[in-house]
């Protein structure tokens, strides 16, 4: 009969050891049980959450100057759009890769690498007004988004179980908080300083985050044995680029054009071949068998719908607030006032995160996810009628922010409740990737809706009230679809 082996680093017993196995206990395990890490981790959550907010700034850093990018970079609107698309592509490809590297070589180390790349990319973009270097800098910045799933993995490794819920909720919602709070700050900088200071400010924030991580966050002893799947990483990157290119540029190329349809077809082929390879390789980049478990699969599908719903309010409300009153529905607000109104969404997310953690502790993360999606659907359905006053816009933004904060807060608990600790980085990276795909789809779909319903006012084409309402209905539909998916989640973790 096989002898039980105490696996002290994992806190589990194995009954499948060979007969010659012996009982082994590491000195570090005797000296420092899991609960002994609590004092050292007192500043860990705020530092990680601050780092998550810093990297989330990259998503909305250029929102105040999007319309001026063609002039600032002396290029066409189509070319200027690559400044936004480059960050989207690199962050989508890098997030699961960085998560896997963190499992293998240390999550703290990869957090520092990600933040270092953000600082480097910010400096590259800050010192140029030319299109190509700007795109390169923005692509390098995109690697920073891996900090959020890596931070969730560190929280699981370093903190006792009773602190996981609130800490993971705050870390998960930091992506929305940072993105929303960056808009008013970026507007203030863009309106009063040279626009390059947007990047210098981001570089300074990144440097502060690096210093804080070095000072406070320990390197986890948790490691996953095996090798890094280079071919799998290249295949995933290629598939994501081929997918997100037509999603991001389909409106410019034409959704029925040969290049758009050809890239979508190529995406299917690439991911099929990549999936077959990942199922056969010994140490895959992503364990597809784990990813196909009901709890993981449904959570990731719900992440896509939540990302799609979330980004709609970010695209619609700033335009509605800034359009001139002569349109009959625009509110004619300044760039800074618009940013202040939009920040209500981020503040709502920040408040919702700890409340969501309490709800998860009391009723389970499934109920929390469904609650967030209900709030999102209610926000968008109400938003189709509440678009005529500033207080109505702030109310819709706050409701949507609360829904996103609650939904995002539940996802790490659902994912980590279904995967082994050695796969936590890669699993959370995949979940972050699903959110990114959702926001990319939202950008494409809402962009098409607003363009197809636009009207000419003077010499410019502007979005119409019909387009805004249609976008909100699509976002509400996405939230309800996510709610339907979440309903089939198991009530409790199966792991």
Protein backbone atom coordinates (compact mmCIF):
# COMPACT_ATOMS: atom_id res chain seq x y z
CA UNK A 1 0.00 0.00 0.00
CA UNK A 2 1.40 3.45 -0.92
CA UNK A 3 2.75 5.53 1.89
CA UNK A 4 1.35 9.02 2.46
CA UNK A 5 3.76 11.84 1.77
CA UNK A 6 3.39 15.18 3.47
CA UNK A 7 3.76 17.91 0.88
CA UNK A 8 4.48 20.78 3.23
CA UNK A 9 4.78 23.52 0.62
CA UNK A 10 1.26 22.81 -0.60
CA UNK A 11 -0.30 21.85 2.72
CA UNK A 12 -1.75 18.64 1.25
CA UNK A 13 -1.32 14.89 1.65
CA UNK A 14 -0.63 12.63 -1.29
CA UNK A 15 -1.59 9.00 -1.25
CA UNK A 16 -0.17 8.19 -4.68
CA UNK A 17 3.54 8.09 -3.79
CA UNK A 18 5.66 5.05 -4.66
CA UNK A 19 6.35 2.50 -1.92
CA UNK A 20 9.90 3.76 -1.33
CA UNK A 21 8.75 7.34 -0.62
CA UNK A 22 9.64 8.88 2.71
CA UNK A 23 8.03 11.53 4.81
CA UNK A 24 9.73 14.89 4.15
CA UNK A 25 9.19 18.16 5.96
CA UNK A 26 11.07 21.30 4.93
CA UNK A 27 12.63 23.51 7.62
CA UNK A 28 10.90 26.55 6.20
CA UNK A 29 7.55 24.84 6.54
CA UNK A 30 8.20 24.10 10.23
CA UNK A 31 9.40 27.61 10.94
CA UNK A 32 6.78 29.48 8.94
CA UNK A 33 3.35 27.92 8.64
CA UNK A 34 0.86 29.55 6.30
CA UNK A 35 -0.73 31.72 8.97
CA UNK A 36 2.68 33.09 10.04
CA UNK A 37 2.82 35.17 6.88
CA UNK A 38 0.05 37.48 8.04
CA UNK A 39 2.24 40.20 9.70
CA UNK A 40 4.53 40.42 6.68
CA UNK A 41 1.51 40.79 4.44
CA UNK A 42 -0.08 43.81 6.10
CA UNK A 43 1.06 46.21 3.38
CA UNK A 44 0.94 43.67 0.61
CA UNK A 45 -2.65 44.19 -0.54
CA UNK A 46 -2.53 48.01 -0.76
CA UNK A 47 0.74 47.87 -2.70
CA UNK A 48 -0.55 45.26 -5.13
CA UNK A 49 -3.85 47.12 -5.57
CA UNK A 50 -1.95 50.37 -6.21
CA UNK A 51 0.14 48.57 -8.82
CA UNK A 52 -3.02 47.23 -10.46
CA UNK A 53 -4.52 50.72 -10.60
CA UNK A 54 -1.28 52.09 -12.10
CA UNK A 55 -1.21 49.59 -14.96
CA UNK A 56 -4.96 49.99 -15.57
CA UNK A 57 -4.26 53.65 -16.31
CA UNK A 58 -2.84 52.47 -19.65
CA UNK A 59 -6.32 51.58 -20.88
CA UNK A 60 -7.72 55.11 -20.64
CA UNK A 61 -4.57 57.23 -20.62
CA UNK A 62 -5.24 58.69 -24.07
CA UNK A 63 -9.04 58.99 -23.88
CA UNK A 64 -8.94 62.80 -23.53
CA UNK A 65 -6.78 63.21 -26.66
CA UNK A 66 -8.12 60.42 -28.89
CA UNK A 67 -9.80 62.86 -31.25
CA UNK A 68 -6.59 64.93 -31.54
CA UNK A 69 -4.16 62.03 -32.15
CA UNK A 70 -4.15 62.35 -35.97
CA UNK A 71 -3.10 66.01 -35.65
CA UNK A 72 -0.63 65.40 -32.81
CA UNK A 73 1.09 62.57 -34.70
CA UNK A 74 0.66 64.13 -38.17
CA UNK A 75 -1.05 61.06 -39.59
CA UNK A 76 -4.44 59.76 -40.70
CA UNK A 77 -7.20 58.74 -38.24
CA UNK A 78 -6.85 55.12 -39.36
CA UNK A 79 -3.13 55.08 -38.61
CA UNK A 80 -3.59 56.94 -35.32
CA UNK A 81 -5.99 54.21 -34.17
CA UNK A 82 -3.00 51.86 -33.96
CA UNK A 83 -1.79 53.81 -30.94
CA UNK A 84 -4.80 52.36 -29.07
CA UNK A 85 -4.85 49.00 -30.85
CA UNK A 86 -1.16 48.28 -30.13
CA UNK A 87 -1.75 48.33 -26.36
CA UNK A 88 -4.81 46.12 -26.72
CA UNK A 89 -2.96 43.52 -28.77
CA UNK A 90 0.16 43.36 -26.60
CA UNK A 91 -1.76 43.19 -23.31
CA UNK A 92 -4.05 40.44 -24.60
CA UNK A 93 -1.12 38.33 -25.77
CA UNK A 94 1.14 39.01 -22.80
CA UNK A 95 -1.27 38.45 -19.91
CA UNK A 96 -1.57 34.63 -20.02
CA UNK A 97 2.11 34.31 -20.96
CA UNK A 98 3.23 36.38 -17.98
CA UNK A 99 0.89 34.40 -15.75
CA UNK A 100 2.52 31.13 -16.77
CA UNK A 101 6.03 32.58 -16.38
CA UNK A 102 5.04 33.73 -12.90
CA UNK A 103 3.97 30.19 -11.98
CA UNK A 104 7.31 28.87 -13.19
CA UNK A 105 9.83 31.50 -12.10
CA UNK A 106 8.16 33.65 -9.44
CA UNK A 107 5.18 35.97 -9.56
CA UNK A 108 6.88 38.91 -7.84
CA UNK A 109 9.72 38.76 -10.34
CA UNK A 110 7.29 38.91 -13.25
CA UNK A 111 5.34 41.77 -11.62
CA UNK A 112 8.57 43.77 -11.55
CA UNK A 113 9.28 42.88 -15.17
CA UNK A 114 5.79 43.99 -16.19
CA UNK A 115 6.05 47.29 -14.35
CA UNK A 116 9.52 47.86 -15.75
CA UNK A 117 8.18 47.39 -19.28
CA UNK A 118 5.40 49.88 -18.53
CA UNK A 119 7.95 52.48 -17.46
CA UNK A 120 10.06 51.78 -20.56
CA UNK A 121 7.09 52.00 -22.91
CA UNK A 122 5.91 55.23 -21.27
CA UNK A 123 9.32 56.83 -21.76
CA UNK A 124 9.49 55.71 -25.40
CA UNK A 125 6.10 57.30 -26.10
CA UNK A 126 6.85 60.36 -23.99
CA UNK A 127 9.89 61.33 -26.01
CA UNK A 128 8.34 61.06 -29.47
CA UNK A 129 5.71 62.66 -31.67
CA UNK A 130 6.19 60.20 -34.53
CA UNK A 131 3.69 57.44 -35.25
CA UNK A 132 5.91 54.33 -35.35
CA UNK A 133 7.87 54.94 -32.11
CA UNK A 134 4.60 55.90 -30.42
CA UNK A 135 3.04 52.58 -31.47
CA UNK A 136 6.12 50.70 -30.23
CA UNK A 137 5.98 52.46 -26.87
CA UNK A 138 2.27 51.77 -26.48
CA UNK A 139 2.80 48.09 -27.34
CA UNK A 140 5.50 47.81 -24.67
CA UNK A 141 3.16 49.52 -22.18
CA UNK A 142 0.56 46.82 -22.81
CA UNK A 143 2.72 44.18 -21.12
CA UNK A 144 1.95 45.84 -17.79
CA UNK A 145 -1.58 44.43 -17.62
CA UNK A 146 -0.14 41.08 -16.48
CA UNK A 147 0.40 42.66 -13.05
CA UNK A 148 -3.25 42.13 -12.08
CA UNK A 149 -3.52 38.32 -12.49
CA UNK A 150 -0.01 37.94 -11.07
CA UNK A 151 -1.03 40.01 -8.05
CA UNK A 152 -4.05 37.79 -7.48
CA UNK A 153 -1.73 34.78 -7.53
CA UNK A 154 0.59 36.43 -4.97
CA UNK A 155 -2.37 37.10 -2.70
CA UNK A 156 -3.33 33.45 -2.83
CA UNK A 157 0.25 32.34 -2.11
CA UNK A 158 1.04 34.79 0.69
CA UNK A 159 -2.12 35.50 2.65
CA UNK A 160 -4.21 33.18 4.85
CA UNK A 161 -7.44 31.94 3.36
CA UNK A 162 -9.69 34.17 5.44
CA UNK A 163 -8.16 37.27 3.80
CA UNK A 164 -8.39 36.01 0.22
CA UNK A 165 -11.91 37.26 -0.54
CA UNK A 166 -11.53 40.97 0.17
CA UNK A 167 -7.94 41.13 -1.13
CA UNK A 168 -8.71 39.41 -4.42
CA UNK A 169 -11.86 41.49 -4.86
CA UNK A 170 -9.88 44.72 -4.51
CA UNK A 171 -7.11 43.49 -6.82
CA UNK A 172 -9.54 42.29 -9.46
CA UNK A 173 -11.52 45.52 -9.49
CA UNK A 174 -8.37 47.65 -9.71
CA UNK A 175 -8.44 47.35 -13.49
CA UNK A 176 -11.75 49.19 -13.62
CA UNK A 177 -10.89 51.62 -10.83
CA UNK A 178 -7.62 52.67 -12.46
CA UNK A 179 -9.19 52.98 -15.88
CA UNK A 180 -12.01 55.21 -14.62
CA UNK A 181 -9.95 57.40 -12.27
CA UNK A 182 -7.33 58.00 -14.98
CA UNK A 183 -9.79 59.87 -17.20
CA UNK A 184 -10.15 63.06 -15.10
CA UNK A 185 -6.45 63.14 -14.25
CA UNK A 186 -5.48 62.65 -17.90
CA UNK A 187 -7.97 65.34 -18.93
CA UNK A 188 -6.46 67.78 -16.42
CA UNK A 189 -2.94 67.11 -17.72
CA UNK A 190 -3.93 67.24 -21.39
CA UNK A 191 -5.78 70.53 -20.94
CA UNK A 192 -3.03 72.33 -19.00
CA UNK A 193 0.28 70.73 -20.03
CA UNK A 194 1.94 69.26 -23.08
CA UNK A 195 0.25 65.94 -23.87
CA UNK A 196 3.55 64.05 -23.55
CA UNK A 197 3.29 64.55 -19.78
CA UNK A 198 0.61 61.87 -19.84
CA UNK A 199 3.38 59.36 -20.49
CA UNK A 200 5.92 60.92 -18.13
CA UNK A 201 3.33 60.81 -15.36
CA UNK A 202 2.62 57.15 -16.12
CA UNK A 203 6.36 56.40 -16.00
CA UNK A 204 6.65 58.09 -12.60
CA UNK A 205 3.70 56.10 -11.22
CA UNK A 206 5.27 52.90 -12.56
CA UNK A 207 8.58 53.69 -10.86
CA UNK A 208 6.79 54.28 -7.54
CA UNK A 209 4.98 50.94 -7.94
CA UNK A 210 8.29 49.15 -8.63
CA UNK A 211 9.84 50.62 -5.48
CA UNK A 212 6.79 49.66 -3.40
CA UNK A 213 6.78 46.07 -4.72
CA UNK A 214 10.50 45.69 -3.93
CA UNK A 215 10.01 47.06 -0.40
CA UNK A 216 6.83 45.22 0.62
CA UNK A 217 6.00 42.18 -1.52
CA UNK A 218 7.93 38.96 -0.84
CA UNK A 219 8.74 36.41 -3.50
CA UNK A 220 6.55 33.35 -3.15
CA UNK A 221 8.15 29.97 -2.56
CA UNK A 222 5.37 28.43 -4.67
CA UNK A 223 6.74 27.20 -8.01
CA UNK A 224 5.34 25.04 -10.76
CA UNK A 225 7.78 22.44 -12.06
CA UNK A 226 8.27 22.16 -15.79
CA UNK A 227 9.41 24.17 -18.79
CA UNK A 228 7.98 27.23 -20.46
CA UNK A 229 5.96 26.32 -23.55
CA UNK A 230 7.56 28.60 -26.15
CA UNK A 231 5.64 27.16 -29.10
CA UNK A 232 2.36 27.45 -27.19
CA UNK A 233 3.12 31.09 -26.30
CA UNK A 234 3.95 31.94 -29.92
CA UNK A 235 0.82 30.15 -31.16
CA UNK A 236 -1.43 31.92 -28.65
CA UNK A 237 0.12 35.30 -29.50
CA UNK A 238 -0.34 34.73 -33.22
CA UNK A 239 -3.94 33.62 -32.74
CA UNK A 240 -4.80 36.63 -30.60
CA UNK A 241 -3.19 39.08 -33.01
CA UNK A 242 -5.05 37.53 -35.96
CA UNK A 243 -8.31 37.67 -33.96
CA UNK A 244 -8.03 41.16 -32.52
CA UNK A 245 -6.79 42.82 -35.70
CA UNK A 246 -10.13 42.40 -37.54
CA UNK A 247 -12.06 43.10 -34.33
CA UNK A 248 -10.21 46.39 -33.91
CA UNK A 249 -10.00 47.38 -37.57
CA UNK A 250 -13.10 45.76 -39.05
CA UNK A 251 -14.99 49.06 -39.09
CA UNK A 252 -12.23 50.64 -41.20
CA UNK A 253 -11.65 47.67 -43.49
CA UNK A 254 -15.30 46.68 -43.80
CA UNK A 255 -16.81 43.72 -41.91
CA UNK A 256 -17.51 41.89 -45.15
CA UNK A 257 -14.13 42.61 -46.77
CA UNK A 258 -11.84 39.80 -47.83
CA UNK A 259 -9.11 40.72 -45.33
CA UNK A 260 -11.52 40.83 -42.37
CA UNK A 261 -13.22 37.52 -43.20
CA UNK A 262 -9.87 35.94 -44.07
CA UNK A 263 -8.38 36.88 -40.71
CA UNK A 264 -11.39 35.51 -38.83
CA UNK A 265 -11.07 32.23 -40.76
CA UNK A 266 -7.33 32.12 -40.06
CA UNK A 267 -8.09 32.65 -36.35
CA UNK A 268 -10.21 29.49 -36.26
CA UNK A 269 -7.50 27.43 -37.94
CA UNK A 270 -4.71 28.78 -35.73
CA UNK A 271 -6.57 28.14 -32.48
CA UNK A 272 -7.58 24.64 -33.55
CA UNK A 273 -3.96 23.74 -34.28
CA UNK A 274 -2.80 25.48 -31.11
CA UNK A 275 -5.39 23.60 -29.02
CA UNK A 276 -4.32 20.24 -30.43
CA UNK A 277 -0.69 21.05 -29.62
CA UNK A 278 -1.50 22.18 -26.07
CA UNK A 279 -3.39 18.95 -25.38
CA UNK A 280 -0.36 16.87 -26.34
CA UNK A 281 2.57 18.83 -24.93
CA UNK A 282 3.88 17.80 -21.49
CA UNK A 283 4.00 21.29 -19.93
CA UNK A 284 1.40 23.39 -21.78
CA UNK A 285 1.16 27.16 -21.56
CA UNK A 286 -2.51 26.75 -20.61
CA UNK A 287 -3.97 23.53 -19.30
CA UNK A 288 -6.98 23.25 -21.61
CA UNK A 289 -8.38 20.35 -19.66
CA UNK A 290 -8.50 22.57 -16.58
CA UNK A 291 -9.85 25.48 -18.64
CA UNK A 292 -12.69 23.25 -19.88
CA UNK A 293 -13.98 22.53 -16.38
CA UNK A 294 -17.46 23.93 -16.03
CA UNK A 295 -16.59 26.44 -13.31
CA UNK A 296 -13.56 27.81 -15.19
CA UNK A 297 -15.17 27.78 -18.63
CA UNK A 298 -18.40 29.50 -17.60
CA UNK A 299 -16.53 32.09 -15.54
CA UNK A 300 -14.31 32.95 -18.50
CA UNK A 301 -17.30 33.20 -20.84
CA UNK A 302 -18.99 35.48 -18.32
CA UNK A 303 -15.79 37.55 -18.23
CA UNK A 304 -16.14 38.19 -21.97
CA UNK A 305 -19.74 39.39 -21.59
CA UNK A 306 -18.84 41.53 -18.56
CA UNK A 307 -15.95 43.15 -20.42
CA UNK A 308 -18.23 43.82 -23.38
CA UNK A 309 -20.85 45.45 -21.15
CA UNK A 310 -18.33 47.41 -19.08
CA UNK A 311 -16.57 49.17 -21.95
CA UNK A 312 -19.78 50.47 -23.53
CA UNK A 313 -20.29 53.06 -20.78
CA UNK A 314 -16.67 54.17 -21.13
CA UNK A 315 -17.18 54.81 -24.84
CA UNK A 316 -20.64 56.39 -24.71
CA UNK A 317 -20.78 58.68 -21.68
CA UNK A 318 -17.75 60.91 -22.44
CA UNK A 319 -19.13 61.62 -25.91
CA UNK A 320 -22.61 62.39 -24.60
CA UNK A 321 -21.24 64.74 -21.94
CA UNK A 322 -18.98 66.64 -24.35
CA UNK A 323 -21.25 66.98 -27.39
CA UNK A 324 -22.51 70.56 -27.83
CA UNK A 325 -25.97 71.42 -26.55
CA UNK A 326 -26.90 72.46 -30.10
CA UNK A 327 -27.31 68.78 -30.98
CA UNK A 328 -30.38 68.68 -28.74
CA UNK A 329 -29.01 65.91 -26.49
CA UNK A 330 -25.35 66.78 -25.84
CA UNK A 331 -24.52 68.36 -22.47
CA UNK A 332 -21.67 70.61 -23.65
CA UNK A 333 -19.29 69.91 -20.76
CA UNK A 334 -15.56 70.57 -20.70
CA UNK A 335 -12.93 67.85 -20.86
CA UNK A 336 -12.15 68.10 -17.14
CA UNK A 337 -15.80 68.19 -16.07
CA UNK A 338 -16.42 65.11 -18.23
CA UNK A 339 -13.54 63.34 -16.53
CA UNK A 340 -14.86 64.16 -13.09
CA UNK A 341 -18.28 62.74 -13.99
CA UNK A 342 -16.69 59.60 -15.46
CA UNK A 343 -14.64 59.10 -12.27
CA UNK A 344 -17.88 58.24 -10.45
CA UNK A 345 -17.67 54.84 -12.12
CA UNK A 346 -14.24 54.16 -10.64
CA UNK A 347 -15.27 55.32 -7.19
CA UNK A 348 -18.30 53.04 -7.33
CA UNK A 349 -16.04 50.08 -8.20
CA UNK A 350 -13.77 50.88 -5.27
CA UNK A 351 -16.71 50.94 -2.86
CA UNK A 352 -18.28 47.81 -4.37
CA UNK A 353 -15.18 45.60 -4.05
CA UNK A 354 -15.21 45.08 -0.25
CA UNK A 355 -18.99 44.72 -0.26
CA UNK A 356 -18.68 42.06 -2.94
CA UNK A 357 -16.13 40.20 -0.82
CA UNK A 358 -18.59 40.10 2.08
CA UNK A 359 -21.33 38.84 -0.21
CA UNK A 360 -19.04 36.10 -1.53
CA UNK A 361 -18.15 35.05 2.00
CA UNK A 362 -21.82 34.88 2.98
CA UNK A 363 -23.44 33.48 -0.18
CA UNK A 364 -20.61 32.32 -2.44
CA UNK A 365 -18.91 33.91 -5.49
CA UNK A 366 -21.58 32.59 -7.87
CA UNK A 367 -24.23 34.77 -6.22
CA UNK A 368 -21.81 37.71 -6.24
CA UNK A 369 -21.13 37.36 -9.97
CA UNK A 370 -24.84 37.14 -10.75
CA UNK A 371 -25.54 40.19 -8.57
CA UNK A 372 -22.95 42.22 -10.45
CA UNK A 373 -24.40 41.25 -13.81
CA UNK A 374 -27.91 42.16 -12.65
CA UNK A 375 -26.64 45.60 -11.60
CA UNK A 376 -24.99 46.02 -15.01
CA UNK A 377 -28.15 45.09 -16.88
CA UNK A 378 -30.25 47.45 -14.73
CA UNK A 379 -27.76 50.28 -15.27
CA UNK A 380 -27.88 50.00 -19.06
CA UNK A 381 -31.63 49.50 -19.30
CA UNK A 382 -32.15 52.56 -17.10
CA UNK A 383 -29.52 54.38 -19.14
CA UNK A 384 -31.61 54.19 -22.28
CA UNK A 385 -33.99 56.63 -20.57
CA UNK A 386 -31.63 58.57 -18.27
CA UNK A 387 -29.49 60.52 -20.74
CA UNK A 388 -30.79 64.06 -20.48
CA UNK A 389 -29.05 65.46 -17.37
CA UNK A 390 -25.63 65.30 -15.71
CA UNK A 391 -26.99 63.68 -12.53
CA UNK A 392 -28.60 60.96 -14.64
CA UNK A 393 -25.29 60.25 -16.38
CA UNK A 394 -23.48 60.04 -13.04
CA UNK A 395 -26.17 57.68 -11.71
CA UNK A 396 -25.84 55.36 -14.72
CA UNK A 397 -22.03 55.42 -14.49
CA UNK A 398 -22.14 54.65 -10.76
CA UNK A 399 -24.58 51.74 -11.23
CA UNK A 400 -22.48 50.33 -14.07
CA UNK A 401 -19.30 50.74 -12.04
CA UNK A 402 -20.86 48.95 -9.08
CA UNK A 403 -21.95 46.09 -11.32
CA UNK A 404 -18.52 45.71 -12.89
CA UNK A 405 -16.78 45.95 -9.52
CA UNK A 406 -18.99 43.26 -7.99
CA UNK A 407 -18.75 40.94 -11.02
CA UNK A 408 -14.99 41.29 -11.44
CA UNK A 409 -14.47 40.75 -7.71
CA UNK A 410 -16.15 37.34 -7.84
CA UNK A 411 -14.17 35.96 -10.77
CA UNK A 412 -10.80 35.23 -9.05
CA UNK A 413 -12.56 33.24 -6.32
CA UNK A 414 -14.43 31.20 -8.92
CA UNK A 415 -11.27 30.56 -10.97
CA UNK A 416 -8.99 29.78 -8.03
CA UNK A 417 -11.65 27.58 -6.48
CA UNK A 418 -11.41 25.27 -9.48
CA UNK A 419 -7.67 25.11 -10.27
CA UNK A 420 -4.57 23.89 -8.51
CA UNK A 421 -2.39 26.50 -6.79
CA UNK A 422 0.44 25.76 -9.21
CA UNK A 423 -1.77 26.99 -12.07
CA UNK A 424 -3.12 30.13 -10.39
CA UNK A 425 -1.05 32.61 -12.39
CA UNK A 426 -1.88 31.13 -15.79
CA UNK A 427 -5.54 30.62 -14.88
CA UNK A 428 -5.98 34.23 -13.76
CA UNK A 429 -4.05 35.37 -16.83
CA UNK A 430 -6.56 33.54 -19.01
CA UNK A 431 -9.44 35.19 -17.16
CA UNK A 432 -7.85 38.62 -17.68
CA UNK A 433 -7.46 37.75 -21.36
CA UNK A 434 -11.18 36.96 -21.62
CA UNK A 435 -11.99 40.37 -20.13
CA UNK A 436 -9.66 42.02 -22.66
CA UNK A 437 -11.37 40.21 -25.52
CA UNK A 438 -14.71 41.43 -24.17
CA UNK A 439 -13.55 45.06 -24.13
CA UNK A 440 -12.13 44.68 -27.65
CA UNK A 441 -15.44 43.31 -28.89
CA UNK A 442 -17.25 46.15 -27.14
CA UNK A 443 -15.01 48.73 -28.79
CA UNK A 444 -15.68 47.23 -32.21
CA UNK A 445 -19.43 46.72 -31.79
CA UNK A 446 -20.15 50.10 -30.18
CA UNK A 447 -17.91 51.80 -32.74
CA UNK A 448 -19.91 50.28 -35.59
CA UNK A 449 -23.24 51.22 -33.97
CA UNK A 450 -22.24 54.83 -33.34
CA UNK A 451 -20.72 55.20 -36.83
CA UNK A 452 -23.74 53.72 -38.59
CA UNK A 453 -26.19 56.00 -36.74
CA UNK A 454 -24.11 59.19 -36.80
CA UNK A 455 -25.29 62.50 -38.23
CA UNK A 456 -23.49 65.54 -39.65
CA UNK A 457 -23.39 68.63 -37.47
CA UNK A 458 -21.54 71.41 -39.24
CA UNK A 459 -18.39 69.88 -40.68
CA UNK A 460 -18.24 66.89 -38.31
CA UNK A 461 -19.98 63.54 -37.98
CA UNK A 462 -21.32 63.04 -34.44
CA UNK A 463 -23.02 60.14 -32.69
CA UNK A 464 -26.77 60.31 -32.24
CA UNK A 465 -29.00 59.65 -29.26
CA UNK A 466 -30.33 56.61 -31.13
CA UNK A 467 -26.79 55.24 -31.37
CA UNK A 468 -26.18 55.74 -27.65
CA UNK A 469 -29.40 53.97 -26.73
CA UNK A 470 -28.71 51.08 -29.10
CA UNK A 471 -25.23 50.68 -27.59
CA UNK A 472 -26.73 50.54 -24.10
CA UNK A 473 -29.26 47.91 -25.19
CA UNK A 474 -26.45 45.76 -26.62
CA UNK A 475 -24.49 46.13 -23.36
CA UNK A 476 -27.60 45.17 -21.35
CA UNK A 477 -28.02 42.11 -23.56
CA UNK A 478 -24.39 41.13 -22.94
CA UNK A 479 -24.91 41.44 -19.17
CA UNK A 480 -28.05 39.28 -19.33
CA UNK A 481 -26.19 36.68 -21.40
CA UNK A 482 -23.48 36.61 -18.74
CA UNK A 483 -26.17 36.22 -16.09
CA UNK A 484 -27.53 33.19 -17.93
CA UNK A 485 -24.05 31.65 -18.08
CA UNK A 486 -23.40 32.33 -14.39
CA UNK A 487 -26.65 30.60 -13.46
CA UNK A 488 -25.11 27.27 -14.56
CA UNK A 489 -22.05 27.64 -12.32
CA UNK A 490 -21.83 25.16 -9.45
CA UNK A 491 -22.91 26.62 -6.13
CA UNK A 492 -19.64 25.65 -4.44
CA UNK A 493 -16.07 25.01 -5.56
CA UNK A 494 -15.51 21.57 -7.04
CA UNK A 495 -11.78 21.50 -6.35
